[in-house]
Every structure is written in structure tokens, then in C-alpha cells.
Amino acid sequence: MTNSIKTLLSEARDLPPEERVKLVEQIIETLDASDPSLDAVWSKEAEDRLAAYHRGDIAAVPLSEVLAKYWIKPLSGTMPRLRVLEMFS
């Protein structure tokens, strides 16, 4: 962790809870900023996949099958959870 991050974290801890929440929300918003060139790439990919589906080149998979692949069966008394790390590896 860099010194600047340590300093920011120290200052953030001194904020009242409401202001910390606002700070976190604003930081998250910067991560969600739209990138027009990336949006265009994903738009083209989605259009290509839909066209391939309509041509019969690829088949659809039911959502229940997709979700089942990424859910871990819960232990007794716990909630099911996604295998998040596996989804991005």
C-alpha cells in the first residue's frame, strides 16, 4: 500500500460514517465510468453473438444452467453464494 493510500485511509477513518459512505460511493462511481471505445467493442460483440444465434451458429443456454454452474451449494444454515473468483479466472 502506498503512502498516499495510507494517508487517505487514515483521513477517511476520521470521517463520520455518513461521509465515509458518500466517499465510497463516489470512488465506486469513478470505477464505473463509461469508456465509449470499450462500450462500442462490447456493443459489436453483443450484436455479433445475437446474429450468430439467429443464424443458428450458436445455441442459447438456459439461465438456470448458467447460474447453477456458479452457485456453491450452501452448508447447513448458510446462504448460497456465487463462485465469484472462478467466474473471473
PDB file of N, CA and C in Angstrom:
ATOM      1  N   MET A   1       0.855  -1.167   0.000  1.00  0.00           N
ATOM      2  CA  MET A   1       0.000   0.000   0.000  1.00  0.00           C
ATOM      3  C   MET A   1       0.908   1.239   0.000  1.00  0.00           C
ATOM      4  N   THR A   2       0.633   2.172  -0.890  1.00  0.00           N
ATOM      5  CA  THR A   2       1.456   3.367  -0.980  1.00  0.00           C
ATOM      6  C   THR A   2       1.173   4.310   0.184  1.00  0.00           C
ATOM      7  N   ASN A   3       2.092   5.244   0.399  1.00  0.00           N
ATOM      8  CA  ASN A   3       1.915   6.214   1.481  1.00  0.00           C
ATOM      9  C   ASN A   3       0.691   7.084   1.258  1.00  0.00           C
ATOM     10  N   SER A   4       0.411   7.434   0.005  1.00  0.00           N
ATOM     11  CA  SER A   4      -0.763   8.271  -0.267  1.00  0.00           C
ATOM     12  C   SER A   4      -2.054   7.531   0.068  1.00  0.00           C
ATOM     13  N   ILE A   5      -2.094   6.236  -0.222  1.00  0.00           N
ATOM     14  CA  ILE A   5      -3.289   5.445   0.117  1.00  0.00           C
ATOM     15  C   ILE A   5      -3.425   5.341   1.626  1.00  0.00           C
ATOM     16  N   LYS A   6      -2.306   5.119   2.312  1.00  0.00           N
ATOM     17  CA  LYS A   6      -2.348   5.043   3.777  1.00  0.00           C
ATOM     18  C   LYS A   6      -2.847   6.349   4.373  1.00  0.00           C
ATOM     19  N   THR A   7      -2.389   7.477   3.826  1.00  0.00           N
ATOM     20  CA  THR A   7      -2.823   8.784   4.316  1.00  0.00           C
ATOM     21  C   THR A   7      -4.314   8.981   4.078  1.00  0.00           C
ATOM     22  N   LEU A   8      -4.771   8.656   2.857  1.00  0.00           N
ATOM     23  CA  LEU A   8      -6.199   8.795   2.546  1.00  0.00           C
ATOM     24  C   LEU A   8      -7.053   7.911   3.441  1.00  0.00           C
ATOM     25  N   LEU A   9      -6.608   6.683   3.658  1.00  0.00           N
ATOM     26  CA  LEU A   9      -7.348   5.762   4.508  1.00  0.00           C
ATOM     27  C   LEU A   9      -7.433   6.283   5.939  1.00  0.00           C
ATOM     28  N   SER A  10      -6.333   6.809   6.427  1.00  0.00           N
ATOM     29  CA  SER A  10      -6.314   7.371   7.775  1.00  0.00           C
ATOM     30  C   SER A  10      -7.292   8.539   7.887  1.00  0.00           C
ATOM     31  N   GLU A  11      -7.284   9.412   6.883  1.00  0.00           N
ATOM     32  CA  GLU A  11      -8.207  10.554   6.886  1.00  0.00           C
ATOM     33  C   GLU A  11      -9.654  10.087   6.756  1.00  0.00           C
ATOM     34  N   ALA A  12      -9.885   9.081   5.932  1.00  0.00           N
ATOM     35  CA  ALA A  12     -11.250   8.575   5.743  1.00  0.00           C
ATOM     36  C   ALA A  12     -11.796   7.984   7.036  1.00  0.00           C
ATOM     37  N   ARG A  13     -10.949   7.311   7.794  1.00  0.00           N
ATOM     38  CA  ARG A  13     -11.397   6.713   9.060  1.00  0.00           C
ATOM     39  C   ARG A  13     -11.852   7.765  10.058  1.00  0.00           C
ATOM     40  N   ASP A  14     -11.344   8.984   9.915  1.00  0.00           N
ATOM     41  CA  ASP A  14     -11.728  10.060  10.828  1.00  0.00           C
ATOM     42  C   ASP A  14     -13.057  10.706  10.451  1.00  0.00           C
ATOM     43  N   LEU A  15     -13.567  10.395   9.278  1.00  0.00           N
ATOM     44  CA  LEU A  15     -14.842  10.974   8.839  1.00  0.00           C
ATOM     45  C   LEU A  15     -16.007  10.310   9.572  1.00  0.00           C
ATOM     46  N   PRO A  16     -17.109  11.056   9.725  1.00  0.00           N
ATOM     47  CA  PRO A  16     -18.326  10.429  10.264  1.00  0.00           C
ATOM     48  C   PRO A  16     -18.813   9.349   9.297  1.00  0.00           C
ATOM     49  N   PRO A  17     -19.525   8.345   9.796  1.00  0.00           N
ATOM     50  CA  PRO A  17     -19.980   7.239   8.936  1.00  0.00           C
ATOM     51  C   PRO A  17     -20.709   7.689   7.671  1.00  0.00           C
ATOM     52  N   GLU A  18     -21.568   8.697   7.774  1.00  0.00           N
ATOM     53  CA  GLU A  18     -22.329   9.153   6.599  1.00  0.00           C
ATOM     54  C   GLU A  18     -21.388   9.681   5.513  1.00  0.00           C
ATOM     55  N   GLU A  19     -20.352  10.397   5.920  1.00  0.00           N
ATOM     56  CA  GLU A  19     -19.418  10.936   4.938  1.00  0.00           C
ATOM     57  C   GLU A  19     -18.535   9.849   4.347  1.00  0.00           C
ATOM     58  N   ARG A  20     -18.205   8.826   5.132  1.00  0.00           N
ATOM     59  CA  ARG A  20     -17.435   7.699   4.598  1.00  0.00           C
ATOM     60  C   ARG A  20     -18.239   6.981   3.529  1.00  0.00           C
ATOM     61  N   VAL A  21     -19.535   6.807   3.784  1.00  0.00           N
ATOM     62  CA  VAL A  21     -20.399   6.152   2.793  1.00  0.00           C
ATOM     63  C   VAL A  21     -20.417   6.961   1.504  1.00  0.00           C
ATOM     64  N   LYS A  22     -20.567   8.285   1.612  1.00  0.00           N
ATOM     65  CA  LYS A  22     -20.576   9.136   0.414  1.00  0.00           C
ATOM     66  C   LYS A  22     -19.247   9.037  -0.331  1.00  0.00           C
ATOM     67  N   LEU A  23     -18.147   8.987   0.412  1.00  0.00           N
ATOM     68  CA  LEU A  23     -16.827   8.875  -0.207  1.00  0.00           C
ATOM     69  C   LEU A  23     -16.704   7.563  -0.973  1.00  0.00           C
ATOM     70  N   VAL A  24     -17.125   6.485  -0.347  1.00  0.00           N
ATOM     71  CA  VAL A  24     -17.061   5.173  -1.008  1.00  0.00           C
ATOM     72  C   VAL A  24     -17.918   5.166  -2.269  1.00  0.00           C
ATOM     73  N   GLU A  25     -19.112   5.721  -2.190  1.00  0.00           N
ATOM     74  CA  GLU A  25     -19.994   5.768  -3.358  1.00  0.00           C
ATOM     75  C   GLU A  25     -19.347   6.542  -4.495  1.00  0.00           C
ATOM     76  N   GLN A  26     -18.701   7.662  -4.171  1.00  0.00           N
ATOM     77  CA  GLN A  26     -18.065   8.464  -5.219  1.00  0.00           C
ATOM     78  C   GLN A  26     -16.860   7.741  -5.813  1.00  0.00           C
ATOM     79  N   ILE A  27     -16.113   7.030  -4.998  1.00  0.00           N
ATOM     80  CA  ILE A  27     -14.976   6.260  -5.521  1.00  0.00           C
ATOM     81  C   ILE A  27     -15.486   5.156  -6.456  1.00  0.00           C
ATOM     82  N   ILE A  28     -16.546   4.468  -6.049  1.00  0.00           N
ATOM     83  CA  ILE A  28     -17.115   3.411  -6.888  1.00  0.00           C
ATOM     84  C   ILE A  28     -17.611   3.976  -8.212  1.00  0.00           C
ATOM     85  N   GLU A  29     -18.204   5.166  -8.172  1.00  0.00           N
ATOM     86  CA  GLU A  29     -18.675   5.789  -9.413  1.00  0.00           C
ATOM     87  C   GLU A  29     -17.527   6.012 -10.392  1.00  0.00           C
ATOM     88  N   THR A  30     -16.334   6.338  -9.882  1.00  0.00           N
ATOM     89  CA  THR A  30     -15.208   6.546 -10.788  1.00  0.00           C
ATOM     90  C   THR A  30     -14.793   5.242 -11.454  1.00  0.00           C
ATOM     91  N   LEU A  31     -15.012   4.111 -10.782  1.00  0.00           N
ATOM     92  CA  LEU A  31     -14.685   2.813 -11.368  1.00  0.00           C
ATOM     93  C   LEU A  31     -15.705   2.404 -12.411  1.00  0.00           C
ATOM     94  N   ASP A  32     -16.928   2.915 -12.281  1.00  0.00           N
ATOM     95  CA  ASP A  32     -17.991   2.572 -13.207  1.00  0.00           C
ATOM     96  C   ASP A  32     -18.090   3.542 -14.379  1.00  0.00           C
ATOM     97  N   ALA A  33     -17.129   4.446 -14.500  1.00  0.00           N
ATOM     98  CA  ALA A  33     -17.180   5.430 -15.575  1.00  0.00           C
ATOM     99  C   ALA A  33     -17.205   4.717 -16.927  1.00  0.00           C
ATOM    100  N   SER A  34     -18.015   5.243 -17.808  1.00  0.00           N
ATOM    101  CA  SER A  34     -18.167   4.655 -19.128  1.00  0.00           C
ATOM    102  C   SER A  34     -16.964   4.981 -20.007  1.00  0.00           C
ATOM    103  N   ASP A  35     -16.541   4.016 -20.786  1.00  0.00           N
ATOM    104  CA  ASP A  35     -15.471   4.196 -21.764  1.00  0.00           C
ATOM    105  C   ASP A  35     -16.103   3.966 -23.135  1.00  0.00           C
ATOM    106  N   PRO A  36     -16.351   5.038 -23.884  1.00  0.00           N
ATOM    107  CA  PRO A  36     -17.055   4.893 -25.171  1.00  0.00           C
ATOM    108  C   PRO A  36     -16.419   3.881 -26.115  1.00  0.00           C
ATOM    109  N   SER A  37     -15.097   3.809 -26.167  1.00  0.00           N
ATOM    110  CA  SER A  37     -14.478   2.858 -27.087  1.00  0.00           C
ATOM    111  C   SER A  37     -14.724   1.423 -26.627  1.00  0.00           C
ATOM    112  N   LEU A  38     -14.675   1.194 -25.319  1.00  0.00           N
ATOM    113  CA  LEU A  38     -14.955  -0.139 -24.790  1.00  0.00           C
ATOM    114  C   LEU A  38     -16.432  -0.484 -24.952  1.00  0.00           C
ATOM    115  N   ASP A  39     -17.294   0.501 -24.727  1.00  0.00           N
ATOM    116  CA  ASP A  39     -18.727   0.278 -24.931  1.00  0.00           C
ATOM    117  C   ASP A  39     -19.013  -0.135 -26.368  1.00  0.00           C
ATOM    118  N   ALA A  40     -18.314   0.484 -27.326  1.00  0.00           N
ATOM    119  CA  ALA A  40     -18.519   0.156 -28.737  1.00  0.00           C
ATOM    120  C   ALA A  40     -18.071  -1.273 -29.037  1.00  0.00           C
ATOM    121  N   VAL A  41     -16.962  -1.698 -28.434  1.00  0.00           N
ATOM    122  CA  VAL A  41     -16.479  -3.069 -28.638  1.00  0.00           C
ATOM    123  C   VAL A  41     -17.491  -4.073 -28.108  1.00  0.00           C
ATOM    124  N   TRP A  42     -18.007  -3.828 -26.879  1.00  0.00           N
ATOM    125  CA  TRP A  42     -18.982  -4.751 -26.304  1.00  0.00           C
ATOM    126  C   TRP A  42     -20.300  -4.735 -27.074  1.00  0.00           C
ATOM    127  N   SER A  43     -20.685  -3.578 -27.581  1.00  0.00           N
ATOM    128  CA  SER A  43     -21.909  -3.492 -28.386  1.00  0.00           C
ATOM    129  C   SER A  43     -21.778  -4.332 -29.650  1.00  0.00           C
ATOM    130  N   LYS A  44     -20.633  -4.227 -30.312  1.00  0.00           N
ATOM    131  CA  LYS A  44     -20.389  -5.034 -31.517  1.00  0.00           C
ATOM    132  C   LYS A  44     -20.382  -6.520 -31.181  1.00  0.00           C
ATOM    133  N   GLU A  45     -19.750  -6.888 -30.057  1.00  0.00           N
ATOM    134  CA  GLU A  45     -19.710  -8.294 -29.639  1.00  0.00           C
ATOM    135  C   GLU A  45     -21.130  -8.824 -29.395  1.00  0.00           C
ATOM    136  N   ALA A  46     -21.952  -8.025 -28.710  1.00  0.00           N
ATOM    137  CA  ALA A  46     -23.325  -8.449 -28.435  1.00  0.00           C
ATOM    138  C   ALA A  46     -24.113  -8.615 -29.732  1.00  0.00           C
ATOM    139  N   GLU A  47     -23.953  -7.675 -30.648  1.00  0.00           N
ATOM    140  CA  GLU A  47     -24.645  -7.766 -31.941  1.00  0.00           C
ATOM    141  C   GLU A  47     -24.192  -9.002 -32.718  1.00  0.00           C
ATOM    142  N   ASP A  48     -22.890  -9.263 -32.711  1.00  0.00           N
ATOM    143  CA  ASP A  48     -22.358 -10.436 -33.417  1.00  0.00           C
ATOM    144  C   ASP A  48     -22.893 -11.734 -32.818  1.00  0.00           C
ATOM    145  N   ARG A  49     -22.950 -11.800 -31.488  1.00  0.00           N
ATOM    146  CA  ARG A  49     -23.455 -13.015 -30.835  1.00  0.00           C
ATOM    147  C   ARG A  49     -24.939 -13.223 -31.126  1.00  0.00           C
ATOM    148  N   LEU A  50     -25.711 -12.140 -31.109  1.00  0.00           N
ATOM    149  CA  LEU A  50     -27.144 -12.256 -31.403  1.00  0.00           C
ATOM    150  C   LEU A  50     -27.348 -12.703 -32.850  1.00  0.00           C
ATOM    151  N   ALA A  51     -26.578 -12.140 -33.763  1.00  0.00           N
ATOM    152  CA  ALA A  51     -26.693 -12.544 -35.172  1.00  0.00           C
ATOM    153  C   ALA A  51     -26.319 -14.014 -35.333  1.00  0.00           C
ATOM    154  N   ALA A  52     -25.275 -14.465 -34.637  1.00  0.00           N
ATOM    155  CA  ALA A  52     -24.878 -15.877 -34.708  1.00  0.00           C
ATOM    156  C   ALA A  52     -25.979 -16.775 -34.152  1.00  0.00           C
ATOM    157  N   TYR A  53     -26.625 -16.335 -33.097  1.00  0.00           N
ATOM    158  CA  TYR A  53     -27.744 -17.099 -32.531  1.00  0.00           C
ATOM    159  C   TYR A  53     -28.882 -17.205 -33.547  1.00  0.00           C
ATOM    160  N   HIS A  54     -29.223 -16.081 -34.175  1.00  0.00           N
ATOM    161  CA  HIS A  54     -30.311 -16.078 -35.156  1.00  0.00           C
ATOM    162  C   HIS A  54     -29.977 -16.934 -36.377  1.00  0.00           C
ATOM    163  N   ARG A  55     -28.703 -17.016 -36.753  1.00  0.00           N
ATOM    164  CA  ARG A  55     -28.290 -17.863 -37.879  1.00  0.00           C
ATOM    165  C   ARG A  55     -28.254 -19.335 -37.493  1.00  0.00           C
ATOM    166  N   GLY A  56     -28.282 -19.614 -36.191  1.00  0.00           N
ATOM    167  CA  GLY A  56     -28.201 -20.992 -35.727  1.00  0.00           C
ATOM    168  C   GLY A  56     -26.768 -21.464 -35.506  1.00  0.00           C
ATOM    169  N   ASP A  57     -25.821 -20.527 -35.528  1.00  0.00           N
ATOM    170  CA  ASP A  57     -24.413 -20.887 -35.320  1.00  0.00           C
ATOM    171  C   ASP A  57     -24.103 -21.201 -33.862  1.00  0.00           C
ATOM    172  N   ILE A  58     -24.852 -20.609 -32.966  1.00  0.00           N
ATOM    173  CA  ILE A  58     -24.672 -20.879 -31.537  1.00  0.00           C
ATOM    174  C   ILE A  58     -26.040 -21.112 -30.905  1.00  0.00           C
ATOM    175  N   ALA A  59     -26.042 -21.873 -29.834  1.00  0.00           N
ATOM    176  CA  ALA A  59     -27.298 -22.169 -29.147  1.00  0.00           C
ATOM    177  C   ALA A  59     -27.378 -21.384 -27.850  1.00  0.00           C
ATOM    178  N   ALA A  60     -28.590 -21.152 -27.414  1.00  0.00           N
ATOM    179  CA  ALA A  60     -28.802 -20.488 -26.132  1.00  0.00           C
ATOM    180  C   ALA A  60     -28.699 -21.518 -25.013  1.00  0.00           C
ATOM    181  N   VAL A  61     -28.277 -21.070 -23.844  1.00  0.00           N
ATOM    182  CA  VAL A  61     -28.211 -21.913 -22.658  1.00  0.00           C
ATOM    183  C   VAL A  61     -29.192 -21.323 -21.645  1.00  0.00           C
ATOM    184  N   PRO A  62     -30.053 -22.151 -21.065  1.00  0.00           N
ATOM    185  CA  PRO A  62     -30.999 -21.620 -20.088  1.00  0.00           C
ATOM    186  C   PRO A  62     -30.276 -20.937 -18.917  1.00  0.00           C
ATOM    187  N   LEU A  63     -30.821 -19.827 -18.463  1.00  0.00           N
ATOM    188  CA  LEU A  63     -30.225 -19.086 -17.360  1.00  0.00           C
ATOM    189  C   LEU A  63     -30.023 -19.966 -16.139  1.00  0.00           C
ATOM    190  N   SER A  64     -30.957 -20.867 -15.884  1.00  0.00           N
ATOM    191  CA  SER A  64     -30.841 -21.739 -14.713  1.00  0.00           C
ATOM    192  C   SER A  64     -29.564 -22.585 -14.786  1.00  0.00           C
ATOM    193  N   GLU A  65     -29.176 -23.021 -15.995  1.00  0.00           N
ATOM    194  CA  GLU A  65     -27.946 -23.798 -16.154  1.00  0.00           C
ATOM    195  C   GLU A  65     -26.704 -22.936 -15.903  1.00  0.00           C
ATOM    196  N   VAL A  66     -26.747 -21.714 -16.408  1.00  0.00           N
ATOM    197  CA  VAL A  66     -25.613 -20.807 -16.213  1.00  0.00           C
ATOM    198  C   VAL A  66     -25.429 -20.518 -14.728  1.00  0.00           C
ATOM    199  N   LEU A  67     -26.515 -20.184 -14.048  1.00  0.00           N
ATOM    200  CA  LEU A  67     -26.423 -19.867 -12.621  1.00  0.00           C
ATOM    201  C   LEU A  67     -26.009 -21.077 -11.806  1.00  0.00           C
ATOM    202  N   ALA A  68     -26.511 -22.248 -12.162  1.00  0.00           N
ATOM    203  CA  ALA A  68     -26.163 -23.469 -11.421  1.00  0.00           C
ATOM    204  C   ALA A  68     -24.662 -23.731 -11.478  1.00  0.00           C
ATOM    205  N   LYS A  69     -24.047 -23.355 -12.575  1.00  0.00           N
ATOM    206  CA  LYS A  69     -22.609 -23.567 -12.731  1.00  0.00           C
ATOM    207  C   LYS A  69     -21.801 -22.741 -11.725  1.00  0.00           C
ATOM    208  N   TYR A  70     -22.343 -21.599 -11.318  1.00  0.00           N
ATOM    209  CA  TYR A  70     -21.579 -20.684 -10.478  1.00  0.00           C
ATOM    210  C   TYR A  70     -22.055 -20.595  -9.034  1.00  0.00           C
ATOM    211  N   TRP A  71     -23.045 -21.352  -8.663  1.00  0.00           N
ATOM    212  CA  TRP A  71     -23.506 -21.344  -7.276  1.00  0.00           C
ATOM    213  C   TRP A  71     -22.839 -22.469  -6.508  1.00  0.00           C
ATOM    214  N   ILE A  72     -22.415 -22.151  -5.301  1.00  0.00           N
ATOM    215  CA  ILE A  72     -21.868 -23.159  -4.401  1.00  0.00           C
ATOM    216  C   ILE A  72     -23.009 -23.604  -3.507  1.00  0.00           C
ATOM    217  N   LYS A  73     -23.175 -24.909  -3.354  1.00  0.00           N
ATOM    218  CA  LYS A  73     -24.245 -25.411  -2.510  1.00  0.00           C
ATOM    219  C   LYS A  73     -24.006 -24.942  -1.082  1.00  0.00           C
ATOM    220  N   PRO A  74     -25.050 -24.418  -0.436  1.00  0.00           N
ATOM    221  CA  PRO A  74     -24.861 -23.887   0.920  1.00  0.00           C
ATOM    222  C   PRO A  74     -24.645 -24.992   1.945  1.00  0.00           C
ATOM    223  N   LEU A  75     -23.841 -24.663   2.937  1.00  0.00           N
ATOM    224  CA  LEU A  75     -23.736 -25.536   4.098  1.00  0.00           C
ATOM    225  C   LEU A  75     -25.000 -25.356   4.917  1.00  0.00           C
ATOM    226  N   SER A  76     -25.267 -26.235   5.811  1.00  0.00           N
ATOM    227  CA  SER A  76     -26.470 -26.145   6.626  1.00  0.00           C
ATOM    228  C   SER A  76     -26.532 -24.786   7.319  1.00  0.00           C
ATOM    229  N   GLY A  77     -27.613 -24.074   7.114  1.00  0.00           N
ATOM    230  CA  GLY A  77     -27.845 -22.798   7.783  1.00  0.00           C
ATOM    231  C   GLY A  77     -27.133 -21.607   7.156  1.00  0.00           C
ATOM    232  N   THR A  78     -26.501 -21.778   5.976  1.00  0.00           N
ATOM    233  CA  THR A  78     -25.833 -20.641   5.334  1.00  0.00           C
ATOM    234  C   THR A  78     -26.491 -20.349   4.002  1.00  0.00           C
ATOM    235  N   MET A  79     -26.247 -19.166   3.521  1.00  0.00           N
ATOM    236  CA  MET A  79     -26.815 -18.738   2.242  1.00  0.00           C
ATOM    237  C   MET A  79     -25.944 -19.244   1.095  1.00  0.00           C
ATOM    238  N   PRO A  80     -26.549 -19.538  -0.068  1.00  0.00           N
ATOM    239  CA  PRO A  80     -25.732 -19.896  -1.229  1.00  0.00           C
ATOM    240  C   PRO A  80     -24.928 -18.680  -1.667  1.00  0.00           C
ATOM    241  N   ARG A  81     -23.811 -18.912  -2.320  1.00  0.00           N
ATOM    242  CA  ARG A  81     -23.002 -17.797  -2.787  1.00  0.00           C
ATOM    243  C   ARG A  81     -22.432 -18.124  -4.157  1.00  0.00           C
ATOM    244  N   LEU A  82     -22.102 -17.079  -4.880  1.00  0.00           N
ATOM    245  CA  LEU A  82     -21.525 -17.256  -6.209  1.00  0.00           C
ATOM    246  C   LEU A  82     -20.055 -17.596  -6.101  1.00  0.00           C
ATOM    247  N   ARG A  83     -19.587 -18.378  -7.038  1.00  0.00           N
ATOM    248  CA  ARG A  83     -18.161 -18.660  -7.155  1.00  0.00           C
ATOM    249  C   ARG A  83     -17.519 -17.508  -7.920  1.00  0.00           C
ATOM    250  N   VAL A  84     -17.463 -16.343  -7.307  1.00  0.00           N
ATOM    251  CA  VAL A  84     -17.039 -15.143  -7.985  1.00  0.00           C
ATOM    252  C   VAL A  84     -15.636 -15.281  -8.556  1.00  0.00           C
ATOM    253  N   LEU A  85     -14.717 -15.797  -7.789  1.00  0.00           N
ATOM    254  CA  LEU A  85     -13.344 -15.889  -8.286  1.00  0.00           C
ATOM    255  C   LEU A  85     -13.246 -16.795  -9.497  1.00  0.00           C
ATOM    256  N   GLU A  86     -14.012 -17.869  -9.519  1.00  0.00           N
ATOM    257  CA  GLU A  86     -13.981 -18.775 -10.667  1.00  0.00           C
ATOM    258  C   GLU A  86     -14.531 -18.103 -11.916  1.00  0.00           C
ATOM    259  N   MET A  87     -15.475 -17.193 -11.744  1.00  0.00           N
ATOM    260  CA  MET A  87     -16.083 -16.528 -12.883  1.00  0.00           C
ATOM    261  C   MET A  87     -15.073 -15.650 -13.613  1.00  0.00           C
ATOM    262  N   PHE A  88     -14.079 -15.147 -12.898  1.00  0.00           N
ATOM    263  CA  PHE A  88     -13.134 -14.209 -13.496  1.00  0.00           C
ATOM    264  C   PHE A  88     -11.761 -14.807 -13.722  1.00  0.00           C
ATOM    265  N   SER A  89     -11.619 -16.110 -13.537  1.00  0.00           N
ATOM    266  CA  SER A  89     -10.302 -16.713 -13.742  1.00  0.00           C
ATOM    267  C   SER A  89     -10.204 -17.336 -15.117  1.00  0.00           C
TER     268      SER A  89
END
